[in-house]
Amino acid sequence: MTITGIGGLFFRSSDPEARAAWYREHLDIEAGQDRVWQQAAGMTVFAPFPAASDYFAPDQPFMLNLRVDDLDALVGRLEAAGVPVERRPEWETEYGRFARLHDPEGLPIEL
């Protein structure tokens, strides 16, 4: 018997409904306790980081990394909606291109 994937991501929120609505509006993720998000099959990195890592904010226990099919289009849509997105030249790598943003409660999201 083996694990076949991640079945859910559950996290605390000071306003679960508003936070779920933000994910639905800006990232097209069917977020919320009464929703199911059907995602495309693909690789998932499951990696504990050292406690002292500076890869993402030390006050956050984890960072959400999402696969996207058109990074430039999504970044443009987010910025047009007033969502700040950070891009850095060093995030253009052999593994892919990356951008970062934060959800309404400060959770780092890497695209």
N, C-alpha and C. Protein backbone atom coordinates (compact mmCIF):
# COMPACT_ATOMS: atom_id res chain seq x y z
N MET A 1 0.84 -1.18 0.00
CA MET A 1 0.00 0.00 0.00
C MET A 1 0.89 1.24 0.00
N THR A 2 0.59 2.22 -0.86
CA THR A 2 1.38 3.44 -0.92
C THR A 2 0.49 4.67 -0.88
N ILE A 3 1.08 5.78 -0.54
CA ILE A 3 0.38 7.07 -0.58
C ILE A 3 0.37 7.51 -2.04
N THR A 4 -0.77 7.99 -2.53
CA THR A 4 -0.87 8.36 -3.94
C THR A 4 -0.87 9.87 -4.17
N GLY A 5 -0.89 10.66 -3.11
CA GLY A 5 -0.87 12.11 -3.28
C GLY A 5 -1.37 12.81 -2.03
N ILE A 6 -1.42 14.09 -2.08
CA ILE A 6 -1.94 14.89 -0.97
C ILE A 6 -3.44 15.03 -1.15
N GLY A 7 -4.18 14.66 -0.13
CA GLY A 7 -5.63 14.70 -0.21
C GLY A 7 -6.26 15.99 0.26
N GLY A 8 -5.50 16.84 0.91
CA GLY A 8 -6.04 18.11 1.37
C GLY A 8 -4.97 18.92 2.06
N LEU A 9 -5.21 20.20 2.16
CA LEU A 9 -4.35 21.10 2.91
C LEU A 9 -5.27 21.89 3.84
N PHE A 10 -5.10 21.68 5.13
CA PHE A 10 -5.97 22.30 6.13
C PHE A 10 -5.12 23.24 6.98
N PHE A 11 -5.56 24.48 7.13
CA PHE A 11 -4.79 25.45 7.90
C PHE A 11 -5.73 26.43 8.58
N ARG A 12 -5.29 26.95 9.69
CA ARG A 12 -6.09 27.88 10.48
C ARG A 12 -6.17 29.24 9.79
N SER A 13 -7.27 29.94 10.05
CA SER A 13 -7.46 31.25 9.46
C SER A 13 -8.32 32.10 10.39
N SER A 14 -8.03 33.38 10.47
CA SER A 14 -8.86 34.27 11.28
C SER A 14 -10.19 34.57 10.59
N ASP A 15 -10.26 34.40 9.27
CA ASP A 15 -11.51 34.59 8.52
C ASP A 15 -11.53 33.57 7.37
N PRO A 16 -11.90 32.31 7.68
CA PRO A 16 -11.84 31.24 6.67
C PRO A 16 -12.63 31.52 5.40
N GLU A 17 -13.81 32.11 5.53
CA GLU A 17 -14.62 32.36 4.34
C GLU A 17 -13.98 33.38 3.41
N ALA A 18 -13.46 34.47 3.98
CA ALA A 18 -12.82 35.51 3.16
C ALA A 18 -11.53 34.98 2.53
N ARG A 19 -10.79 34.20 3.29
CA ARG A 19 -9.54 33.67 2.76
C ARG A 19 -9.81 32.68 1.63
N ALA A 20 -10.80 31.82 1.81
CA ALA A 20 -11.17 30.88 0.75
C ALA A 20 -11.64 31.63 -0.49
N ALA A 21 -12.42 32.69 -0.30
CA ALA A 21 -12.90 33.49 -1.44
C ALA A 21 -11.73 34.12 -2.18
N TRP A 22 -10.69 34.57 -1.46
CA TRP A 22 -9.50 35.14 -2.08
C TRP A 22 -8.83 34.11 -2.98
N TYR A 23 -8.68 32.89 -2.50
CA TYR A 23 -8.06 31.83 -3.31
C TYR A 23 -8.91 31.50 -4.55
N ARG A 24 -10.23 31.52 -4.38
CA ARG A 24 -11.09 31.26 -5.54
C ARG A 24 -10.98 32.40 -6.56
N GLU A 25 -11.01 33.64 -6.08
CA GLU A 25 -10.99 34.79 -6.99
C GLU A 25 -9.65 34.97 -7.70
N HIS A 26 -8.56 34.86 -6.97
CA HIS A 26 -7.27 35.22 -7.54
C HIS A 26 -6.48 34.05 -8.11
N LEU A 27 -6.71 32.84 -7.60
CA LEU A 27 -5.90 31.71 -8.04
C LEU A 27 -6.73 30.58 -8.64
N ASP A 28 -8.04 30.77 -8.75
CA ASP A 28 -8.93 29.75 -9.32
C ASP A 28 -8.85 28.41 -8.59
N ILE A 29 -8.60 28.47 -7.29
CA ILE A 29 -8.58 27.26 -6.47
C ILE A 29 -9.92 27.15 -5.77
N GLU A 30 -10.57 26.03 -5.91
CA GLU A 30 -11.86 25.81 -5.26
C GLU A 30 -11.63 25.59 -3.76
N ALA A 31 -11.31 26.69 -3.08
CA ALA A 31 -11.00 26.64 -1.65
C ALA A 31 -12.27 26.77 -0.81
N GLY A 32 -12.27 26.13 0.33
CA GLY A 32 -13.36 26.20 1.28
C GLY A 32 -13.74 24.81 1.75
N GLN A 33 -14.34 24.75 2.92
CA GLN A 33 -14.67 23.46 3.52
C GLN A 33 -15.68 22.66 2.71
N ASP A 34 -16.50 23.33 1.92
CA ASP A 34 -17.52 22.64 1.14
C ASP A 34 -17.14 22.51 -0.34
N ARG A 35 -15.86 22.69 -0.66
CA ARG A 35 -15.40 22.66 -2.05
C ARG A 35 -14.34 21.57 -2.23
N VAL A 36 -14.21 21.12 -3.47
CA VAL A 36 -13.15 20.17 -3.82
C VAL A 36 -12.43 20.72 -5.04
N TRP A 37 -11.15 20.83 -4.96
CA TRP A 37 -10.32 21.35 -6.04
C TRP A 37 -9.73 20.17 -6.80
N GLN A 38 -10.12 20.00 -8.05
CA GLN A 38 -9.56 18.96 -8.91
C GLN A 38 -8.34 19.55 -9.59
N GLN A 39 -7.18 19.04 -9.25
CA GLN A 39 -5.96 19.59 -9.83
C GLN A 39 -5.36 18.65 -10.86
N ALA A 40 -4.55 19.21 -11.72
CA ALA A 40 -3.88 18.41 -12.74
C ALA A 40 -2.80 17.55 -12.10
N ALA A 41 -2.61 16.38 -12.64
CA ALA A 41 -1.55 15.49 -12.14
C ALA A 41 -0.19 16.11 -12.45
N GLY A 42 0.73 15.87 -11.58
CA GLY A 42 2.08 16.39 -11.79
C GLY A 42 2.92 16.20 -10.55
N MET A 43 4.15 16.63 -10.66
CA MET A 43 5.09 16.47 -9.56
C MET A 43 4.72 17.35 -8.37
N THR A 44 5.03 16.86 -7.18
CA THR A 44 4.89 17.62 -5.95
C THR A 44 6.16 17.45 -5.14
N VAL A 45 6.75 18.54 -4.72
CA VAL A 45 7.91 18.48 -3.84
C VAL A 45 7.40 18.54 -2.41
N PHE A 46 7.82 17.60 -1.60
CA PHE A 46 7.43 17.52 -0.19
C PHE A 46 8.73 17.61 0.59
N ALA A 47 9.12 18.80 1.05
CA ALA A 47 10.47 19.00 1.56
C ALA A 47 10.50 19.82 2.85
N PRO A 48 10.85 19.19 3.96
CA PRO A 48 11.11 19.98 5.17
C PRO A 48 12.34 20.86 4.95
N PHE A 49 12.27 22.09 5.43
CA PHE A 49 13.38 23.03 5.35
C PHE A 49 13.98 23.20 6.74
N PRO A 50 15.24 23.54 6.83
CA PRO A 50 15.83 23.83 8.14
C PRO A 50 15.08 24.98 8.82
N ALA A 51 14.98 24.94 10.13
CA ALA A 51 14.27 25.99 10.87
C ALA A 51 14.85 27.37 10.60
N ALA A 52 16.14 27.46 10.35
CA ALA A 52 16.79 28.75 10.12
C ALA A 52 16.80 29.18 8.65
N SER A 53 16.11 28.46 7.77
CA SER A 53 16.10 28.79 6.35
C SER A 53 15.56 30.19 6.11
N ASP A 54 16.13 30.88 5.15
CA ASP A 54 15.61 32.20 4.77
C ASP A 54 14.89 32.14 3.41
N TYR A 55 14.55 30.93 2.98
CA TYR A 55 13.87 30.77 1.69
C TYR A 55 12.47 31.40 1.71
N PHE A 56 11.82 31.40 2.89
CA PHE A 56 10.57 32.12 3.08
C PHE A 56 10.54 32.65 4.51
N ALA A 57 9.57 33.50 4.81
CA ALA A 57 9.54 34.23 6.08
C ALA A 57 9.60 33.29 7.29
N PRO A 58 10.45 33.62 8.26
CA PRO A 58 10.61 32.75 9.43
C PRO A 58 9.38 32.66 10.31
N ASP A 59 8.45 33.61 10.19
CA ASP A 59 7.23 33.55 11.01
C ASP A 59 6.14 32.67 10.38
N GLN A 60 6.42 32.09 9.22
CA GLN A 60 5.46 31.21 8.54
C GLN A 60 5.96 29.76 8.61
N PRO A 61 5.10 28.83 9.00
CA PRO A 61 5.54 27.44 9.13
C PRO A 61 5.74 26.74 7.78
N PHE A 62 5.12 27.26 6.73
CA PHE A 62 5.27 26.64 5.42
C PHE A 62 5.01 27.66 4.32
N MET A 63 5.37 27.30 3.10
CA MET A 63 5.09 28.10 1.92
C MET A 63 4.35 27.20 0.94
N LEU A 64 3.34 27.72 0.31
CA LEU A 64 2.58 26.99 -0.70
C LEU A 64 3.20 27.25 -2.06
N ASN A 65 3.53 26.18 -2.78
CA ASN A 65 4.09 26.30 -4.12
C ASN A 65 3.06 25.72 -5.08
N LEU A 66 2.66 26.50 -6.07
CA LEU A 66 1.62 26.08 -7.02
C LEU A 66 2.19 25.99 -8.43
N ARG A 67 1.83 24.92 -9.14
CA ARG A 67 2.19 24.79 -10.56
C ARG A 67 1.22 25.62 -11.38
N VAL A 68 1.72 26.33 -12.38
CA VAL A 68 0.86 27.13 -13.26
C VAL A 68 1.23 26.86 -14.71
N ASP A 69 0.28 27.05 -15.62
CA ASP A 69 0.58 26.79 -17.02
C ASP A 69 0.98 28.05 -17.79
N ASP A 70 0.74 29.24 -17.23
CA ASP A 70 1.14 30.48 -17.88
C ASP A 70 1.46 31.50 -16.80
N LEU A 71 2.70 31.47 -16.32
CA LEU A 71 3.11 32.34 -15.22
C LEU A 71 2.90 33.81 -15.55
N ASP A 72 3.29 34.24 -16.72
CA ASP A 72 3.17 35.65 -17.07
C ASP A 72 1.72 36.13 -17.07
N ALA A 73 0.83 35.32 -17.60
CA ALA A 73 -0.59 35.70 -17.64
C ALA A 73 -1.16 35.78 -16.22
N LEU A 74 -0.82 34.81 -15.37
CA LEU A 74 -1.34 34.83 -14.01
C LEU A 74 -0.78 36.01 -13.23
N VAL A 75 0.50 36.28 -13.36
CA VAL A 75 1.10 37.43 -12.68
C VAL A 75 0.43 38.71 -13.15
N GLY A 76 0.19 38.85 -14.44
CA GLY A 76 -0.50 40.02 -14.97
C GLY A 76 -1.90 40.18 -14.39
N ARG A 77 -2.63 39.08 -14.30
CA ARG A 77 -3.98 39.11 -13.74
C ARG A 77 -3.95 39.49 -12.27
N LEU A 78 -3.01 38.92 -11.51
CA LEU A 78 -2.89 39.25 -10.08
C LEU A 78 -2.55 40.72 -9.89
N GLU A 79 -1.58 41.20 -10.63
CA GLU A 79 -1.18 42.61 -10.50
C GLU A 79 -2.31 43.55 -10.91
N ALA A 80 -3.08 43.20 -11.93
CA ALA A 80 -4.22 44.02 -12.34
C ALA A 80 -5.29 44.09 -11.26
N ALA A 81 -5.36 43.02 -10.44
CA ALA A 81 -6.33 42.98 -9.34
C ALA A 81 -5.77 43.62 -8.07
N GLY A 82 -4.55 44.16 -8.15
CA GLY A 82 -3.96 44.84 -7.00
C GLY A 82 -3.21 43.93 -6.05
N VAL A 83 -2.93 42.69 -6.46
CA VAL A 83 -2.18 41.75 -5.64
C VAL A 83 -0.69 41.92 -5.95
N PRO A 84 0.11 42.34 -4.97
CA PRO A 84 1.54 42.49 -5.22
C PRO A 84 2.22 41.15 -5.50
N VAL A 85 3.03 41.10 -6.55
CA VAL A 85 3.77 39.89 -6.92
C VAL A 85 5.24 40.26 -7.06
N GLU A 86 6.09 39.44 -6.47
CA GLU A 86 7.53 39.69 -6.54
C GLU A 86 8.16 38.72 -7.53
N ARG A 87 9.03 39.26 -8.37
CA ARG A 87 9.82 38.44 -9.30
C ARG A 87 11.27 38.87 -9.15
N ARG A 88 12.17 37.89 -9.25
CA ARG A 88 13.61 38.18 -9.15
C ARG A 88 14.33 37.42 -10.25
N PRO A 89 15.39 38.00 -10.78
CA PRO A 89 16.15 37.30 -11.83
C PRO A 89 16.64 35.92 -11.38
N GLU A 90 17.03 35.78 -10.11
CA GLU A 90 17.52 34.49 -9.64
C GLU A 90 16.43 33.43 -9.53
N TRP A 91 15.18 33.83 -9.68
CA TRP A 91 14.08 32.87 -9.67
C TRP A 91 13.76 32.35 -11.07
N GLU A 92 14.57 32.72 -12.03
CA GLU A 92 14.49 32.17 -13.39
C GLU A 92 15.54 31.07 -13.45
N THR A 93 15.15 29.82 -13.24
CA THR A 93 16.11 28.74 -13.04
C THR A 93 15.93 27.62 -14.06
N GLU A 94 16.81 26.67 -14.02
CA GLU A 94 16.69 25.48 -14.87
C GLU A 94 15.49 24.63 -14.46
N TYR A 95 14.99 24.82 -13.25
CA TYR A 95 13.83 24.05 -12.77
C TYR A 95 12.51 24.74 -13.11
N GLY A 96 12.59 25.98 -13.54
CA GLY A 96 11.39 26.73 -13.88
C GLY A 96 11.54 28.18 -13.52
N ARG A 97 10.50 28.92 -13.77
CA ARG A 97 10.44 30.34 -13.45
C ARG A 97 9.49 30.49 -12.28
N PHE A 98 9.82 31.40 -11.36
CA PHE A 98 9.02 31.52 -10.15
C PHE A 98 8.66 32.97 -9.87
N ALA A 99 7.57 33.14 -9.14
CA ALA A 99 7.13 34.44 -8.65
C ALA A 99 6.53 34.19 -7.27
N ARG A 100 6.48 35.24 -6.46
CA ARG A 100 5.96 35.10 -5.10
C ARG A 100 4.91 36.15 -4.81
N LEU A 101 3.96 35.75 -3.98
CA LEU A 101 2.94 36.63 -3.46
C LEU A 101 2.56 36.13 -2.08
N HIS A 102 1.64 36.81 -1.42
CA HIS A 102 1.17 36.40 -0.10
C HIS A 102 -0.34 36.44 -0.08
N ASP A 103 -0.93 35.49 0.62
CA ASP A 103 -2.39 35.50 0.75
C ASP A 103 -2.78 36.57 1.77
N PRO A 104 -4.08 36.81 1.98
CA PRO A 104 -4.49 37.91 2.86
C PRO A 104 -3.98 37.81 4.30
N GLU A 105 -3.57 36.61 4.74
CA GLU A 105 -3.07 36.46 6.10
C GLU A 105 -1.56 36.25 6.13
N GLY A 106 -0.89 36.54 5.01
CA GLY A 106 0.57 36.54 4.98
C GLY A 106 1.24 35.25 4.59
N LEU A 107 0.47 34.20 4.24
CA LEU A 107 1.09 32.95 3.84
C LEU A 107 1.82 33.15 2.52
N PRO A 108 3.10 32.81 2.46
CA PRO A 108 3.83 32.94 1.19
C PRO A 108 3.38 31.90 0.18
N ILE A 109 3.21 32.36 -1.05
CA ILE A 109 2.80 31.48 -2.16
C ILE A 109 3.83 31.67 -3.27
N GLU A 110 4.34 30.56 -3.74
CA GLU A 110 5.30 30.59 -4.85
C GLU A 110 4.60 29.99 -6.07
N LEU A 111 4.66 30.69 -7.17
CA LEU A 111 4.08 30.21 -8.42
C LEU A 111 5.19 29.73 -9.32
